[in-house]
Every structure is written in structure tokens, then in C-alpha cells.
Amino acid sequence: FLAGPVSSPGVQTAPIGGVGLVWLASPATVAAGGFAQALPVWSVGAHSPIHRVLLDELAGGLPHRSVNVCNNVQTMIAIVAGGGGAALFPETMVRAAMAAGVLCEVHAPPRRTIAFEAAIRSGEQDPVILELFRRAAALRID
């Protein structure tokens, strides 16, 4: 499963839905003024379409101190929840942290969503893997 769209001759994909994005920070960071204090911003790597949305948001005038990259969303959640800045997250991945009050919205969400896809190697022949892909392709993100 990955953020798409993916375009590669060696990969077959199936769309499973779109996900909204949310700008989040710790409650203390939000209470201290959020982006008014030019926060450090955390992002997944440049290979991700989420990174492109983040850069577009920052180019639109969102004040920030730096853009830091971390390829592990759970680590980014911990950094941001600990007061280490703000990040743009797929909403479905942070619902529990938001519901628990660990993370709060710090800025209006982007209007763009991110498409997610199930992916498999184009030449895959293992029947178990093919069946898993068939089932994964039938999933829908809510």
C-alpha cells in the first residue's frame, strides 16, 4: 500500500481511495501560537506526493523555520507530539492521536487529497501473492 499515483512499468497498481491531509502539532505548540512562531516542519521524503503538497502549502506563505525529512510516520507523530514542530499527515493515520488529544490541528487542511493504491510487481506469479493483491485491490479507504 502506498501513496500514489505510481507510474512504473514494473508495478501494477489498483486505486483504493483518497485520503485527506491535516496539519498537526502538539496542543502546547498550538497554544503557543502555532505557525505564528515559524515552526520547524516535518515531512515524509521527496518521493511521496504528500511532500509535494507540503511544499506547495509552504510556498503559499505558511511561515516555517525549516523543512525536516523523516520517512517513518510514527516517528514524525512522536516528534510533533513532543513539541518538535508541525507536520502534514494523512488524516486516517492520525485519527487516534487526534481523538486522544495528543495532536491538534494547527492550520487549515489542504484541499488536495492523496490517492492511495495497492501495488504488486507486474510479473508476479505466486498465486498467494496474486490473491492478496486481488483482495487488497477490493479495499476502500474511508
C-alpha atoms as a PDB file:
ATOM      1  CA  PHE A   1       0.000   0.000   0.000  1.00  0.00           C
ATOM      2  CA  LEU A   2       1.391   3.393  -0.910  1.00  0.00           C
ATOM      3  CA  ALA A   3       0.568   6.974  -1.699  1.00  0.00           C
ATOM      4  CA  GLY A   4       0.133   7.337  -5.425  1.00  0.00           C
ATOM      5  CA  PRO A   5      -0.146   7.668  -8.191  1.00  0.00           C
ATOM      6  CA  VAL A   6       2.642   5.273  -9.061  1.00  0.00           C
ATOM      7  CA  SER A   7       3.805   5.068 -12.635  1.00  0.00           C
ATOM      8  CA  SER A   8       6.320   2.339 -13.246  1.00  0.00           C
ATOM      9  CA  PRO A   9       6.409  -0.371 -15.916  1.00  0.00           C
ATOM     10  CA  GLY A  10       7.396  -2.945 -13.289  1.00  0.00           C
ATOM     11  CA  VAL A  11       4.474  -2.230 -10.987  1.00  0.00           C
ATOM     12  CA  GLN A  12       0.758  -2.950 -11.304  1.00  0.00           C
ATOM     13  CA  THR A  13      -1.492  -0.819  -9.071  1.00  0.00           C
ATOM     14  CA  ALA A  14      -5.126  -0.632  -8.025  1.00  0.00           C
ATOM     15  CA  PRO A  15      -6.633   2.544  -6.527  1.00  0.00           C
ATOM     16  CA  ILE A  16      -8.155   2.058  -3.067  1.00  0.00           C
ATOM     17  CA  GLY A  17      -9.273   5.618  -2.296  1.00  0.00           C
ATOM     18  CA  GLY A  18      -8.212   9.091  -1.385  1.00  0.00           C
ATOM     19  CA  VAL A  19      -7.151  10.462   1.971  1.00  0.00           C
ATOM     20  CA  GLY A  20      -7.412  13.991   3.302  1.00  0.00           C
ATOM     21  CA  LEU A  21      -4.392  15.641   4.876  1.00  0.00           C
ATOM     22  CA  VAL A  22      -4.204  17.582   8.146  1.00  0.00           C
ATOM     23  CA  TRP A  23      -1.649  19.997   9.583  1.00  0.00           C
ATOM     24  CA  LEU A  24      -0.962  18.908  13.160  1.00  0.00           C
ATOM     25  CA  ALA A  25       1.141  19.956  16.129  1.00  0.00           C
ATOM     26  CA  SER A  26       1.121  19.288  19.859  1.00  0.00           C
ATOM     27  CA  PRO A  27      -1.530  21.041  21.959  1.00  0.00           C
ATOM     28  CA  ALA A  28       1.255  23.084  23.606  1.00  0.00           C
ATOM     29  CA  THR A  29       2.596  24.202  20.224  1.00  0.00           C
ATOM     30  CA  VAL A  30      -0.886  25.240  19.111  1.00  0.00           C
ATOM     31  CA  ALA A  31      -1.476  27.095  22.418  1.00  0.00           C
ATOM     32  CA  ALA A  32       1.834  28.935  21.949  1.00  0.00           C
ATOM     33  CA  GLY A  33       0.678  30.360  18.610  1.00  0.00           C
ATOM     34  CA  GLY A  34       1.334  27.548  16.130  1.00  0.00           C
ATOM     35  CA  PHE A  35       2.746  28.768  12.834  1.00  0.00           C
ATOM     36  CA  ALA A  36       2.929  32.345  14.134  1.00  0.00           C
ATOM     37  CA  GLN A  37       6.216  31.252  15.697  1.00  0.00           C
ATOM     38  CA  ALA A  38       7.676  29.911  12.404  1.00  0.00           C
ATOM     39  CA  LEU A  39       7.719  26.243  13.362  1.00  0.00           C
ATOM     40  CA  PRO A  40      10.044  23.563  12.090  1.00  0.00           C
ATOM     41  CA  VAL A  41       8.050  21.434   9.655  1.00  0.00           C
ATOM     42  CA  TRP A  42       8.367  17.666   9.285  1.00  0.00           C
ATOM     43  CA  SER A  43       7.683  15.769   6.076  1.00  0.00           C
ATOM     44  CA  VAL A  44       7.980  12.327   4.601  1.00  0.00           C
ATOM     45  CA  GLY A  45      10.585  12.091   1.836  1.00  0.00           C
ATOM     46  CA  ALA A  46      10.524  13.846  -1.512  1.00  0.00           C
ATOM     47  CA  HIS A  47       9.399  10.600  -3.217  1.00  0.00           C
ATOM     48  CA  SER A  48       5.979  10.959  -1.578  1.00  0.00           C
ATOM     49  CA  PRO A  49       3.139  13.023  -3.067  1.00  0.00           C
ATOM     50  CA  ILE A  50       2.489  14.263   0.489  1.00  0.00           C
ATOM     51  CA  HIS A  51       5.849  16.052   0.337  1.00  0.00           C
ATOM     52  CA  ARG A  52       4.767  17.899  -2.833  1.00  0.00           C
ATOM     53  CA  VAL A  53       1.535  19.063  -1.163  1.00  0.00           C
ATOM     54  CA  LEU A  54       3.533  20.213   1.865  1.00  0.00           C
ATOM     55  CA  LEU A  55       5.942  22.237  -0.284  1.00  0.00           C
ATOM     56  CA  ASP A  56       3.034  23.813  -2.175  1.00  0.00           C
ATOM     57  CA  GLU A  57       1.414  24.781   1.137  1.00  0.00           C
ATOM     58  CA  LEU A  58       4.634  26.362   2.398  1.00  0.00           C
ATOM     59  CA  ALA A  59       5.131  28.208  -0.902  1.00  0.00           C
ATOM     60  CA  GLY A  60       1.673  29.674  -0.353  1.00  0.00           C
ATOM     61  CA  GLY A  61       3.051  31.683   2.546  1.00  0.00           C
ATOM     62  CA  LEU A  62       2.841  29.392   5.554  1.00  0.00           C
ATOM     63  CA  PRO A  63       5.686  30.622   7.808  1.00  0.00           C
ATOM     64  CA  HIS A  64       8.171  27.966   8.858  1.00  0.00           C
ATOM     65  CA  ARG A  65      11.692  27.704  10.224  1.00  0.00           C
ATOM     66  CA  SER A  66      12.876  24.607   8.362  1.00  0.00           C
ATOM     67  CA  VAL A  67      11.695  21.511   6.493  1.00  0.00           C
ATOM     68  CA  ASN A  68      12.945  18.288   8.022  1.00  0.00           C
ATOM     69  CA  VAL A  69      12.513  14.860   6.446  1.00  0.00           C
ATOM     70  CA  CYS A  70      11.616  11.630   8.215  1.00  0.00           C
ATOM     71  CA  ASN A  71      10.480   8.524   6.347  1.00  0.00           C
ATOM     72  CA  ASN A  72       8.674   7.000   9.319  1.00  0.00           C
ATOM     73  CA  VAL A  73       5.219   8.433  10.046  1.00  0.00           C
ATOM     74  CA  GLN A  74       5.144   7.011  13.585  1.00  0.00           C
ATOM     75  CA  THR A  75       8.438   8.751  14.375  1.00  0.00           C
ATOM     76  CA  MET A  76       7.072  12.016  12.929  1.00  0.00           C
ATOM     77  CA  ILE A  77       3.996  11.673  15.140  1.00  0.00           C
ATOM     78  CA  ALA A  78       6.250  11.284  18.192  1.00  0.00           C
ATOM     79  CA  ILE A  79       8.404  14.289  17.229  1.00  0.00           C
ATOM     80  CA  VAL A  80       5.416  16.552  16.595  1.00  0.00           C
ATOM     81  CA  ALA A  81       3.505  15.328  19.682  1.00  0.00           C
ATOM     82  CA  GLY A  82       6.617  16.110  21.727  1.00  0.00           C
ATOM     83  CA  GLY A  83       6.596  19.744  20.607  1.00  0.00           C
ATOM     84  CA  GLY A  84       9.110  19.411  17.778  1.00  0.00           C
ATOM     85  CA  GLY A  85       7.125  21.398  15.203  1.00  0.00           C
ATOM     86  CA  ALA A  86       4.274  20.636  12.819  1.00  0.00           C
ATOM     87  CA  ALA A  87       3.649  18.117  10.062  1.00  0.00           C
ATOM     88  CA  LEU A  88       1.194  17.316   7.313  1.00  0.00           C
ATOM     89  CA  PHE A  89      -0.284  13.869   7.929  1.00  0.00           C
ATOM     90  CA  PRO A  90      -2.788  11.623   6.159  1.00  0.00           C
ATOM     91  CA  GLU A  91      -5.878  12.030   8.357  1.00  0.00           C
ATOM     92  CA  THR A  92      -6.576   8.298   8.575  1.00  0.00           C
ATOM     93  CA  MET A  93      -3.122   7.656  10.056  1.00  0.00           C
ATOM     94  CA  VAL A  94      -3.538  10.165  12.903  1.00  0.00           C
ATOM     95  CA  ARG A  95      -7.215   9.817  13.853  1.00  0.00           C
ATOM     96  CA  ALA A  96      -6.422   8.056  17.111  1.00  0.00           C
ATOM     97  CA  ALA A  97      -3.784  10.623  18.130  1.00  0.00           C
ATOM     98  CA  MET A  98      -6.210  13.448  17.363  1.00  0.00           C
ATOM     99  CA  ALA A  99      -9.052  11.770  19.272  1.00  0.00           C
ATOM    100  CA  ALA A 100      -6.713  11.260  22.252  1.00  0.00           C
ATOM    101  CA  GLY A 101      -5.719  14.934  22.196  1.00  0.00           C
ATOM    102  CA  VAL A 102      -2.072  14.116  21.525  1.00  0.00           C
ATOM    103  CA  LEU A 103      -2.121  16.091  18.253  1.00  0.00           C
ATOM    104  CA  CYS A 104      -4.233  19.132  17.305  1.00  0.00           C
ATOM    105  CA  GLU A 105      -4.909  20.933  14.062  1.00  0.00           C
ATOM    106  CA  VAL A 106      -2.529  23.850  13.747  1.00  0.00           C
ATOM    107  CA  HIS A 107      -3.581  25.133  10.312  1.00  0.00           C
ATOM    108  CA  ALA A 108      -6.423  24.674   7.847  1.00  0.00           C
ATOM    109  CA  PRO A 109      -6.116  21.420   5.909  1.00  0.00           C
ATOM    110  CA  PRO A 110      -5.138  21.499   2.240  1.00  0.00           C
ATOM    111  CA  ARG A 111      -7.960  20.991  -0.237  1.00  0.00           C
ATOM    112  CA  ARG A 112      -5.973  18.338  -2.079  1.00  0.00           C
ATOM    113  CA  THR A 113      -6.236  14.690  -1.150  1.00  0.00           C
ATOM    114  CA  ILE A 114      -3.729  11.920  -1.677  1.00  0.00           C
ATOM    115  CA  ALA A 115      -4.635   8.833  -3.680  1.00  0.00           C
ATOM    116  CA  PHE A 116      -3.620   5.506  -2.152  1.00  0.00           C
ATOM    117  CA  GLU A 117      -3.009   2.353  -4.123  1.00  0.00           C
ATOM    118  CA  ALA A 118      -2.304  -1.311  -3.609  1.00  0.00           C
ATOM    119  CA  ALA A 119       0.737  -2.335  -5.629  1.00  0.00           C
ATOM    120  CA  ILE A 120       2.356  -5.529  -6.845  1.00  0.00           C
ATOM    121  CA  ARG A 121       5.207  -6.407  -9.206  1.00  0.00           C
ATOM    122  CA  SER A 122       3.872  -6.695 -12.753  1.00  0.00           C
ATOM    123  CA  GLY A 123       5.448 -10.080 -13.306  1.00  0.00           C
ATOM    124  CA  GLU A 124       4.260 -11.628 -10.028  1.00  0.00           C
ATOM    125  CA  GLN A 125       3.222 -15.273 -10.462  1.00  0.00           C
ATOM    126  CA  ASP A 126       2.878 -16.561  -6.909  1.00  0.00           C
ATOM    127  CA  PRO A 127      -0.817 -17.469  -6.524  1.00  0.00           C
ATOM    128  CA  VAL A 128      -0.890 -16.454  -2.851  1.00  0.00           C
ATOM    129  CA  ILE A 129       0.553 -13.022  -3.615  1.00  0.00           C
ATOM    130  CA  LEU A 130      -1.832 -12.599  -6.540  1.00  0.00           C
ATOM    131  CA  GLU A 131      -4.788 -13.436  -4.295  1.00  0.00           C
ATOM    132  CA  LEU A 132      -3.596 -10.976  -1.643  1.00  0.00           C
ATOM    133  CA  PHE A 133      -3.348  -8.276  -4.304  1.00  0.00           C
ATOM    134  CA  ARG A 134      -6.828  -9.112  -5.583  1.00  0.00           C
ATOM    135  CA  ARG A 135      -8.198  -8.711  -2.064  1.00  0.00           C
ATOM    136  CA  ALA A 136      -6.191  -5.548  -1.428  1.00  0.00           C
ATOM    137  CA  ALA A 137      -7.481  -4.032  -4.682  1.00  0.00           C
ATOM    138  CA  ALA A 138     -11.036  -4.514  -3.425  1.00  0.00           C
ATOM    139  CA  LEU A 139     -10.398  -2.446  -0.265  1.00  0.00           C
ATOM    140  CA  ARG A 140     -11.628   1.126   0.042  1.00  0.00           C
ATOM    141  CA  ILE A 141     -10.207   3.748   2.376  1.00  0.00           C
ATOM    142  CA  ASP A 142     -12.890   5.595   4.302  1.00  0.00           C
END
